[in-house]
């Protein structure tokens, strides 16, 4: 999925350190004004069988993430760092995310092009770089490389 140069640079810097700590960098976003942006880093346990990361664990991991960003210095001006769990509307970024969360309802948008660009349906999985969704009872196959954004759509009981 396409990321800005700064976001990709941050992901590439954090992922090796995160792996050493048993942490998965779920997503990185740089948002807000260019003079004082906010860097959002979403993390979780790398072990898929572990429960979702707790607030105390996020607080603990924030220290090394902050130090790594200070060393990397990806933004010339000051910025605000937000480190959090991925939340209920978890972004899916890596191909393994599309395997791990098969069966979940997702909202997916494609990079600009011709035809339909937004889908909501059940994630069936990914194979050979092709994501499969069930949308309105029909199987849809989409190239992973064309996905701009995909998040789990939380479902709340009535």
N, C-alpha and C. Protein backbone atom coordinates (compact mmCIF):
# COMPACT_ATOMS: atom_id res chain seq x y z
N UNK A 1 0.82 -1.17 0.00
CA UNK A 1 0.00 0.00 0.00
C UNK A 1 0.87 1.23 0.00
N UNK A 2 0.51 2.17 -0.81
CA UNK A 2 1.37 3.35 -0.93
C UNK A 2 1.42 4.17 0.35
N UNK A 3 2.61 4.55 0.73
CA UNK A 3 2.84 5.41 1.88
C UNK A 3 3.68 6.58 1.40
N UNK A 4 3.56 7.71 2.09
CA UNK A 4 4.42 8.84 1.74
C UNK A 4 5.87 8.45 2.03
N UNK A 5 6.81 9.17 1.46
CA UNK A 5 8.22 8.88 1.68
C UNK A 5 8.60 8.90 3.15
N UNK A 6 8.09 9.88 3.89
CA UNK A 6 8.40 10.00 5.31
C UNK A 6 7.80 8.83 6.08
N UNK A 7 6.55 8.50 5.79
CA UNK A 7 5.89 7.38 6.48
C UNK A 7 6.64 6.08 6.24
N UNK A 8 7.02 5.84 4.99
CA UNK A 8 7.74 4.61 4.65
C UNK A 8 9.12 4.59 5.32
N UNK A 9 9.77 5.74 5.38
CA UNK A 9 11.07 5.85 6.03
C UNK A 9 10.96 5.50 7.53
N UNK A 10 9.89 5.98 8.17
CA UNK A 10 9.67 5.70 9.58
C UNK A 10 9.39 4.21 9.78
N UNK A 11 8.54 3.64 8.94
CA UNK A 11 8.22 2.21 9.03
C UNK A 11 9.49 1.38 8.91
N UNK A 12 10.31 1.68 7.91
CA UNK A 12 11.54 0.91 7.68
C UNK A 12 12.52 1.05 8.84
N UNK A 13 12.54 2.21 9.50
CA UNK A 13 13.44 2.40 10.64
C UNK A 13 12.93 1.67 11.88
N UNK A 14 11.61 1.65 12.09
CA UNK A 14 11.05 1.07 13.30
C UNK A 14 10.89 -0.44 13.25
N UNK A 15 10.58 -1.00 12.09
CA UNK A 15 10.26 -2.43 12.02
C UNK A 15 11.36 -3.35 12.55
N UNK A 16 12.64 -3.15 12.23
CA UNK A 16 13.65 -4.06 12.79
C UNK A 16 13.73 -4.00 14.32
N UNK A 17 13.65 -2.80 14.87
CA UNK A 17 13.69 -2.66 16.33
C UNK A 17 12.44 -3.25 16.97
N UNK A 18 11.29 -3.06 16.32
CA UNK A 18 10.04 -3.59 16.84
C UNK A 18 10.08 -5.12 16.87
N UNK A 19 10.62 -5.71 15.82
CA UNK A 19 10.69 -7.18 15.74
C UNK A 19 11.52 -7.74 16.89
N UNK A 20 12.61 -7.05 17.24
CA UNK A 20 13.45 -7.49 18.36
C UNK A 20 12.68 -7.48 19.68
N UNK A 21 11.66 -6.64 19.76
CA UNK A 21 10.89 -6.49 21.00
C UNK A 21 9.58 -7.29 20.96
N UNK A 22 9.34 -8.01 19.86
CA UNK A 22 8.10 -8.77 19.73
C UNK A 22 6.90 -7.89 19.42
N UNK A 23 7.18 -6.77 18.78
CA UNK A 23 6.14 -5.79 18.46
C UNK A 23 5.98 -5.70 16.94
N UNK A 24 4.76 -5.46 16.50
CA UNK A 24 4.44 -5.27 15.08
C UNK A 24 4.08 -3.81 14.87
N UNK A 25 4.75 -3.16 13.90
CA UNK A 25 4.36 -1.80 13.52
C UNK A 25 3.19 -1.97 12.56
N UNK A 26 1.99 -1.72 13.05
CA UNK A 26 0.78 -1.93 12.26
C UNK A 26 0.66 -0.86 11.18
N UNK A 27 0.91 0.39 11.55
CA UNK A 27 0.75 1.49 10.59
C UNK A 27 1.46 2.74 11.12
N UNK A 28 1.82 3.61 10.20
CA UNK A 28 2.38 4.92 10.52
C UNK A 28 1.68 5.94 9.63
N UNK A 29 1.26 7.03 10.23
CA UNK A 29 0.65 8.14 9.49
C UNK A 29 1.31 9.43 9.94
N UNK A 30 1.51 10.33 9.00
CA UNK A 30 1.95 11.68 9.32
C UNK A 30 0.81 12.59 8.88
N UNK A 31 0.19 13.27 9.85
CA UNK A 31 -0.99 14.08 9.58
C UNK A 31 -0.84 15.47 10.16
N UNK A 32 -1.67 16.38 9.67
CA UNK A 32 -1.69 17.72 10.23
C UNK A 32 -0.84 18.69 9.44
N UNK A 33 -0.60 19.84 10.04
CA UNK A 33 0.14 20.93 9.39
C UNK A 33 1.59 20.53 9.13
N UNK A 34 2.15 21.03 8.06
CA UNK A 34 3.54 20.70 7.73
C UNK A 34 4.52 21.31 8.73
N UNK A 35 4.14 22.39 9.38
CA UNK A 35 5.06 23.02 10.34
C UNK A 35 5.13 22.27 11.67
N UNK A 36 4.04 21.62 12.06
CA UNK A 36 4.03 20.88 13.32
C UNK A 36 3.11 19.66 13.17
N UNK A 37 3.53 18.68 12.38
CA UNK A 37 2.67 17.52 12.13
C UNK A 37 2.59 16.58 13.33
N UNK A 38 1.70 15.63 13.20
CA UNK A 38 1.55 14.57 14.20
C UNK A 38 1.97 13.26 13.52
N UNK A 39 2.86 12.53 14.17
CA UNK A 39 3.28 11.21 13.69
C UNK A 39 2.54 10.19 14.52
N UNK A 40 1.66 9.43 13.86
CA UNK A 40 0.88 8.39 14.54
C UNK A 40 1.49 7.03 14.23
N UNK A 41 1.86 6.32 15.28
CA UNK A 41 2.43 4.98 15.14
C UNK A 41 1.49 4.01 15.86
N UNK A 42 0.95 3.06 15.11
CA UNK A 42 0.07 2.05 15.70
C UNK A 42 0.86 0.75 15.84
N UNK A 43 0.83 0.18 17.04
CA UNK A 43 1.61 -1.02 17.30
C UNK A 43 0.72 -2.10 17.92
N UNK A 44 1.19 -3.34 17.84
CA UNK A 44 0.52 -4.46 18.46
C UNK A 44 1.56 -5.53 18.72
N UNK A 45 1.16 -6.61 19.37
CA UNK A 45 2.06 -7.75 19.57
C UNK A 45 2.31 -8.40 18.22
N UNK A 46 3.54 -8.82 17.97
CA UNK A 46 3.86 -9.53 16.73
C UNK A 46 3.29 -10.94 16.77
N UNK A 47 3.19 -11.51 17.95
CA UNK A 47 2.63 -12.85 18.11
C UNK A 47 1.12 -12.77 17.92
N UNK A 48 0.64 -13.38 16.84
CA UNK A 48 -0.77 -13.29 16.49
C UNK A 48 -1.68 -13.93 17.53
N UNK A 49 -1.14 -14.83 18.35
CA UNK A 49 -1.98 -15.49 19.35
C UNK A 49 -2.07 -14.68 20.64
N UNK A 50 -1.23 -13.65 20.76
CA UNK A 50 -1.25 -12.81 21.97
C UNK A 50 -2.47 -11.90 21.96
N UNK A 51 -2.95 -11.53 23.14
CA UNK A 51 -4.07 -10.58 23.18
C UNK A 51 -3.61 -9.22 22.67
N UNK A 52 -4.58 -8.36 22.38
CA UNK A 52 -4.26 -7.01 21.90
C UNK A 52 -3.38 -6.30 22.92
N UNK A 53 -2.51 -5.47 22.45
CA UNK A 53 -1.58 -4.73 23.30
C UNK A 53 -2.35 -3.83 24.28
N UNK A 54 -1.84 -3.75 25.50
CA UNK A 54 -2.50 -2.94 26.54
C UNK A 54 -1.95 -1.52 26.55
N UNK A 55 -2.66 -0.64 27.23
CA UNK A 55 -2.22 0.74 27.37
C UNK A 55 -0.87 0.82 28.06
N UNK A 56 -0.66 0.02 29.10
CA UNK A 56 0.62 0.02 29.80
C UNK A 56 1.75 -0.41 28.87
N UNK A 57 1.48 -1.40 28.02
CA UNK A 57 2.51 -1.86 27.07
C UNK A 57 2.79 -0.80 26.02
N UNK A 58 1.76 -0.10 25.57
CA UNK A 58 1.96 0.99 24.60
C UNK A 58 2.84 2.07 25.23
N UNK A 59 2.56 2.41 26.48
CA UNK A 59 3.36 3.42 27.19
C UNK A 59 4.82 2.98 27.27
N UNK A 60 5.02 1.71 27.58
CA UNK A 60 6.38 1.17 27.69
C UNK A 60 7.11 1.21 26.34
N UNK A 61 6.44 0.89 25.26
CA UNK A 61 7.06 0.86 23.93
C UNK A 61 7.30 2.26 23.36
N UNK A 62 6.56 3.24 23.84
CA UNK A 62 6.68 4.61 23.32
C UNK A 62 8.10 5.16 23.51
N UNK A 63 8.76 4.77 24.58
CA UNK A 63 10.10 5.30 24.88
C UNK A 63 11.10 5.00 23.75
N UNK A 64 11.19 3.75 23.32
CA UNK A 64 12.16 3.41 22.26
C UNK A 64 11.72 3.96 20.90
N UNK A 65 10.41 4.05 20.68
CA UNK A 65 9.92 4.61 19.41
C UNK A 65 10.30 6.08 19.33
N UNK A 66 10.12 6.80 20.42
CA UNK A 66 10.48 8.22 20.47
C UNK A 66 11.98 8.40 20.25
N UNK A 67 12.79 7.58 20.91
CA UNK A 67 14.24 7.67 20.75
C UNK A 67 14.65 7.36 19.31
N UNK A 68 14.01 6.37 18.69
CA UNK A 68 14.34 6.01 17.30
C UNK A 68 13.98 7.14 16.35
N UNK A 69 12.85 7.80 16.60
CA UNK A 69 12.45 8.91 15.73
C UNK A 69 13.35 10.12 15.94
N UNK A 70 13.80 10.34 17.18
CA UNK A 70 14.74 11.43 17.43
C UNK A 70 16.04 11.21 16.66
N UNK A 71 16.49 9.96 16.63
CA UNK A 71 17.72 9.63 15.90
C UNK A 71 17.51 9.73 14.39
N UNK A 72 16.39 9.24 13.91
CA UNK A 72 16.08 9.28 12.48
C UNK A 72 15.86 10.71 12.00
N UNK A 73 15.19 11.51 12.82
CA UNK A 73 14.87 12.91 12.51
C UNK A 73 14.20 13.03 11.14
N UNK A 74 13.03 12.37 10.95
CA UNK A 74 12.39 12.34 9.64
C UNK A 74 11.70 13.64 9.25
N UNK A 75 11.44 14.49 10.25
CA UNK A 75 10.73 15.74 10.00
C UNK A 75 11.58 16.87 10.54
N UNK A 76 11.94 17.85 9.69
CA UNK A 76 12.86 18.91 10.11
C UNK A 76 12.31 19.80 11.23
N UNK A 77 11.00 19.95 11.31
CA UNK A 77 10.42 20.79 12.36
C UNK A 77 10.02 19.90 13.54
N UNK A 78 9.44 20.53 14.54
CA UNK A 78 8.95 19.75 15.68
C UNK A 78 7.69 18.99 15.26
N UNK A 79 7.43 17.89 15.95
CA UNK A 79 6.22 17.11 15.66
C UNK A 79 5.73 16.47 16.95
N UNK A 80 4.49 16.07 16.93
CA UNK A 80 3.89 15.37 18.05
C UNK A 80 3.88 13.88 17.72
N UNK A 81 4.28 13.06 18.67
CA UNK A 81 4.27 11.61 18.49
C UNK A 81 3.08 11.03 19.24
N UNK A 82 2.27 10.24 18.53
CA UNK A 82 1.17 9.50 19.14
C UNK A 82 1.43 8.03 18.89
N UNK A 83 1.54 7.24 19.95
CA UNK A 83 1.70 5.79 19.82
C UNK A 83 0.45 5.17 20.42
N UNK A 84 -0.18 4.25 19.67
CA UNK A 84 -1.41 3.64 20.15
C UNK A 84 -1.55 2.21 19.65
N UNK A 85 -2.57 1.54 20.17
CA UNK A 85 -2.93 0.23 19.65
C UNK A 85 -3.62 0.47 18.31
N UNK A 86 -3.80 -0.57 17.51
CA UNK A 86 -4.44 -0.37 16.22
C UNK A 86 -5.93 -0.04 16.31
N UNK A 87 -6.55 -0.33 17.45
CA UNK A 87 -7.95 -0.02 17.61
C UNK A 87 -8.85 -1.02 16.91
N UNK A 88 -10.14 -0.81 17.03
CA UNK A 88 -11.10 -1.74 16.43
C UNK A 88 -11.12 -1.65 14.91
N UNK A 89 -10.88 -0.47 14.37
CA UNK A 89 -10.84 -0.28 12.92
C UNK A 89 -9.39 -0.44 12.46
N UNK A 90 -8.80 -1.55 12.82
CA UNK A 90 -7.39 -1.84 12.55
C UNK A 90 -7.06 -1.73 11.05
N UNK A 91 -6.03 -0.98 10.71
CA UNK A 91 -5.59 -0.94 9.31
C UNK A 91 -4.88 -2.24 8.95
N UNK A 92 -5.09 -2.71 7.74
CA UNK A 92 -4.38 -3.87 7.21
C UNK A 92 -3.38 -3.34 6.19
N UNK A 93 -2.09 -3.57 6.44
CA UNK A 93 -1.05 -3.01 5.59
C UNK A 93 -0.22 -4.10 4.91
N UNK A 94 0.14 -5.10 5.65
CA UNK A 94 1.02 -6.14 5.12
C UNK A 94 0.20 -7.29 4.55
N UNK A 95 0.81 -8.03 3.62
CA UNK A 95 0.09 -9.16 3.04
C UNK A 95 -0.33 -10.15 4.12
N UNK A 96 0.52 -10.35 5.13
CA UNK A 96 0.16 -11.31 6.17
C UNK A 96 -1.07 -10.84 6.97
N UNK A 97 -1.33 -9.51 7.02
CA UNK A 97 -2.53 -9.02 7.67
C UNK A 97 -3.78 -9.53 6.97
N UNK A 98 -3.71 -9.64 5.63
CA UNK A 98 -4.86 -10.08 4.86
C UNK A 98 -5.10 -11.58 5.05
N UNK A 99 -4.08 -12.31 5.45
CA UNK A 99 -4.25 -13.73 5.80
C UNK A 99 -4.80 -13.83 7.22
N UNK A 100 -4.17 -13.10 8.12
CA UNK A 100 -4.51 -13.17 9.54
C UNK A 100 -5.96 -12.80 9.82
N UNK A 101 -6.49 -11.82 9.12
CA UNK A 101 -7.83 -11.31 9.41
C UNK A 101 -8.89 -11.78 8.42
N UNK A 102 -8.60 -12.88 7.72
CA UNK A 102 -9.61 -13.48 6.85
C UNK A 102 -10.84 -13.81 7.69
N UNK A 103 -12.00 -13.53 7.14
CA UNK A 103 -13.25 -13.74 7.85
C UNK A 103 -13.82 -12.46 8.45
N UNK A 104 -12.99 -11.43 8.57
CA UNK A 104 -13.44 -10.14 9.11
C UNK A 104 -14.10 -9.30 8.02
N UNK A 105 -15.00 -8.42 8.43
CA UNK A 105 -15.58 -7.45 7.51
C UNK A 105 -14.60 -6.29 7.38
N UNK A 106 -14.30 -5.90 6.14
CA UNK A 106 -13.33 -4.83 5.90
C UNK A 106 -13.91 -3.77 4.97
N UNK A 107 -13.33 -2.59 5.08
CA UNK A 107 -13.58 -1.51 4.12
C UNK A 107 -12.28 -1.31 3.38
N UNK A 108 -12.34 -1.35 2.05
CA UNK A 108 -11.14 -1.31 1.24
C UNK A 108 -11.32 -0.27 0.14
N UNK A 109 -10.28 0.53 -0.09
CA UNK A 109 -10.32 1.47 -1.21
C UNK A 109 -9.07 1.26 -2.06
N UNK A 110 -9.27 1.45 -3.37
CA UNK A 110 -8.19 1.25 -4.33
C UNK A 110 -7.57 2.59 -4.72
N UNK A 111 -6.37 2.54 -5.26
CA UNK A 111 -5.75 3.74 -5.79
C UNK A 111 -6.59 4.24 -6.95
N UNK A 112 -6.55 5.54 -7.25
CA UNK A 112 -7.37 6.07 -8.34
C UNK A 112 -7.11 5.34 -9.66
N UNK A 113 -8.19 5.11 -10.34
CA UNK A 113 -8.14 4.42 -11.63
C UNK A 113 -9.56 4.31 -12.15
N UNK A 114 -9.75 3.51 -13.15
CA UNK A 114 -11.09 3.35 -13.70
C UNK A 114 -11.86 2.31 -12.92
N UNK A 115 -13.18 2.46 -12.90
CA UNK A 115 -14.03 1.49 -12.23
C UNK A 115 -14.23 1.77 -10.76
N UNK A 116 -14.84 0.83 -10.11
CA UNK A 116 -15.17 0.94 -8.69
C UNK A 116 -13.90 1.02 -7.85
N UNK A 117 -13.93 1.90 -6.84
CA UNK A 117 -12.75 2.09 -6.00
C UNK A 117 -12.97 1.74 -4.54
N UNK A 118 -14.22 1.56 -4.09
CA UNK A 118 -14.49 1.29 -2.67
C UNK A 118 -15.32 0.01 -2.52
N UNK A 119 -14.91 -0.79 -1.55
CA UNK A 119 -15.59 -2.06 -1.30
C UNK A 119 -15.75 -2.26 0.20
N UNK A 120 -16.87 -2.84 0.60
CA UNK A 120 -17.08 -3.31 1.97
C UNK A 120 -17.57 -4.74 1.85
N UNK A 121 -16.87 -5.64 2.52
CA UNK A 121 -17.26 -7.04 2.45
C UNK A 121 -16.43 -7.90 3.38
N UNK A 122 -16.61 -9.20 3.26
CA UNK A 122 -15.89 -10.16 4.08
C UNK A 122 -14.56 -10.49 3.42
N UNK A 123 -13.48 -10.32 4.15
CA UNK A 123 -12.15 -10.65 3.64
C UNK A 123 -12.02 -12.17 3.60
N UNK A 124 -11.73 -12.69 2.43
CA UNK A 124 -11.56 -14.13 2.28
C UNK A 124 -10.10 -14.54 2.38
N UNK A 125 -9.19 -13.60 2.15
CA UNK A 125 -7.76 -13.88 2.26
C UNK A 125 -6.99 -13.29 1.10
N UNK A 126 -5.75 -13.75 0.96
CA UNK A 126 -4.87 -13.27 -0.11
C UNK A 126 -4.05 -14.45 -0.62
N UNK A 127 -3.87 -14.49 -1.92
CA UNK A 127 -3.06 -15.54 -2.53
C UNK A 127 -2.38 -14.96 -3.76
N UNK A 128 -1.06 -15.16 -3.84
CA UNK A 128 -0.28 -14.68 -4.98
C UNK A 128 -0.52 -13.20 -5.29
N UNK A 129 -0.61 -12.38 -4.23
CA UNK A 129 -0.76 -10.94 -4.42
C UNK A 129 -2.16 -10.50 -4.82
N UNK A 130 -3.15 -11.39 -4.70
CA UNK A 130 -4.54 -11.05 -5.03
C UNK A 130 -5.41 -11.22 -3.79
N UNK A 131 -6.08 -10.14 -3.42
CA UNK A 131 -6.97 -10.14 -2.26
C UNK A 131 -8.35 -10.58 -2.71
N UNK A 132 -8.96 -11.47 -1.93
CA UNK A 132 -10.32 -11.93 -2.24
C UNK A 132 -11.27 -11.42 -1.18
N UNK A 133 -12.38 -10.86 -1.65
CA UNK A 133 -13.45 -10.37 -0.79
C UNK A 133 -14.77 -10.98 -1.24
N UNK A 134 -15.68 -11.12 -0.30
CA UNK A 134 -17.05 -11.44 -0.68
C UNK A 134 -17.86 -10.18 -0.46
N UNK A 135 -18.42 -9.65 -1.55
CA UNK A 135 -19.19 -8.41 -1.50
C UNK A 135 -20.57 -8.70 -2.07
N UNK A 136 -21.59 -8.52 -1.26
CA UNK A 136 -22.98 -8.77 -1.69
C UNK A 136 -23.13 -10.15 -2.32
N UNK A 137 -22.54 -11.16 -1.70
CA UNK A 137 -22.67 -12.53 -2.16
C UNK A 137 -21.81 -12.89 -3.36
N UNK A 138 -20.99 -11.96 -3.82
CA UNK A 138 -20.14 -12.20 -4.99
C UNK A 138 -18.67 -12.13 -4.59
N UNK A 139 -17.86 -13.05 -5.14
CA UNK A 139 -16.43 -13.04 -4.87
C UNK A 139 -15.76 -12.01 -5.77
N UNK A 140 -14.98 -11.12 -5.14
CA UNK A 140 -14.25 -10.07 -5.85
C UNK A 140 -12.77 -10.30 -5.62
N UNK A 141 -11.96 -10.19 -6.66
CA UNK A 141 -10.51 -10.33 -6.51
C UNK A 141 -9.85 -9.02 -6.93
N UNK A 142 -8.96 -8.54 -6.07
CA UNK A 142 -8.31 -7.25 -6.27
C UNK A 142 -6.81 -7.38 -6.08
N UNK A 143 -6.00 -6.73 -6.93
CA UNK A 143 -4.55 -6.80 -6.74
C UNK A 143 -4.13 -6.06 -5.47
N UNK A 144 -3.31 -6.71 -4.65
CA UNK A 144 -2.80 -6.10 -3.43
C UNK A 144 -2.12 -4.76 -3.73
N UNK A 145 -1.37 -4.70 -4.82
CA UNK A 145 -0.63 -3.48 -5.16
C UNK A 145 -1.54 -2.30 -5.49
N UNK A 146 -2.82 -2.55 -5.77
CA UNK A 146 -3.75 -1.47 -6.09
C UNK A 146 -4.51 -0.95 -4.87
N UNK A 147 -4.30 -1.58 -3.71
CA UNK A 147 -5.03 -1.19 -2.50
C UNK A 147 -4.40 0.07 -1.90
N UNK A 148 -5.22 1.09 -1.73
CA UNK A 148 -4.77 2.34 -1.12
C UNK A 148 -4.91 2.26 0.39
N UNK A 149 -6.05 1.70 0.85
CA UNK A 149 -6.31 1.62 2.29
C UNK A 149 -7.29 0.48 2.54
N UNK A 150 -7.07 -0.24 3.63
CA UNK A 150 -7.99 -1.29 4.04
C UNK A 150 -8.02 -1.32 5.57
N UNK A 151 -9.22 -1.29 6.13
CA UNK A 151 -9.37 -1.36 7.58
C UNK A 151 -10.46 -2.36 7.94
N UNK A 152 -10.34 -2.94 9.12
CA UNK A 152 -11.40 -3.80 9.63
C UNK A 152 -12.58 -2.90 10.00
N UNK A 153 -13.76 -3.31 9.61
CA UNK A 153 -14.96 -2.54 9.93
C UNK A 153 -15.57 -3.16 11.19
N UNK A 154 -15.49 -2.44 12.30
CA UNK A 154 -16.04 -3.00 13.54
C UNK A 154 -17.55 -3.21 13.42
N UNK A 155 -18.00 -4.32 13.98
CA UNK A 155 -19.44 -4.59 13.99
C UNK A 155 -19.90 -4.58 15.43
N UNK A 156 -20.95 -3.82 15.69
CA UNK A 156 -21.48 -3.68 17.03
C UNK A 156 -22.84 -4.37 17.10
N UNK A 157 -23.04 -5.23 18.09
CA UNK A 157 -24.33 -5.90 18.21
C UNK A 157 -25.44 -4.87 18.48
N UNK A 158 -26.62 -5.16 17.98
CA UNK A 158 -27.75 -4.22 18.13
C UNK A 158 -28.23 -4.19 19.55
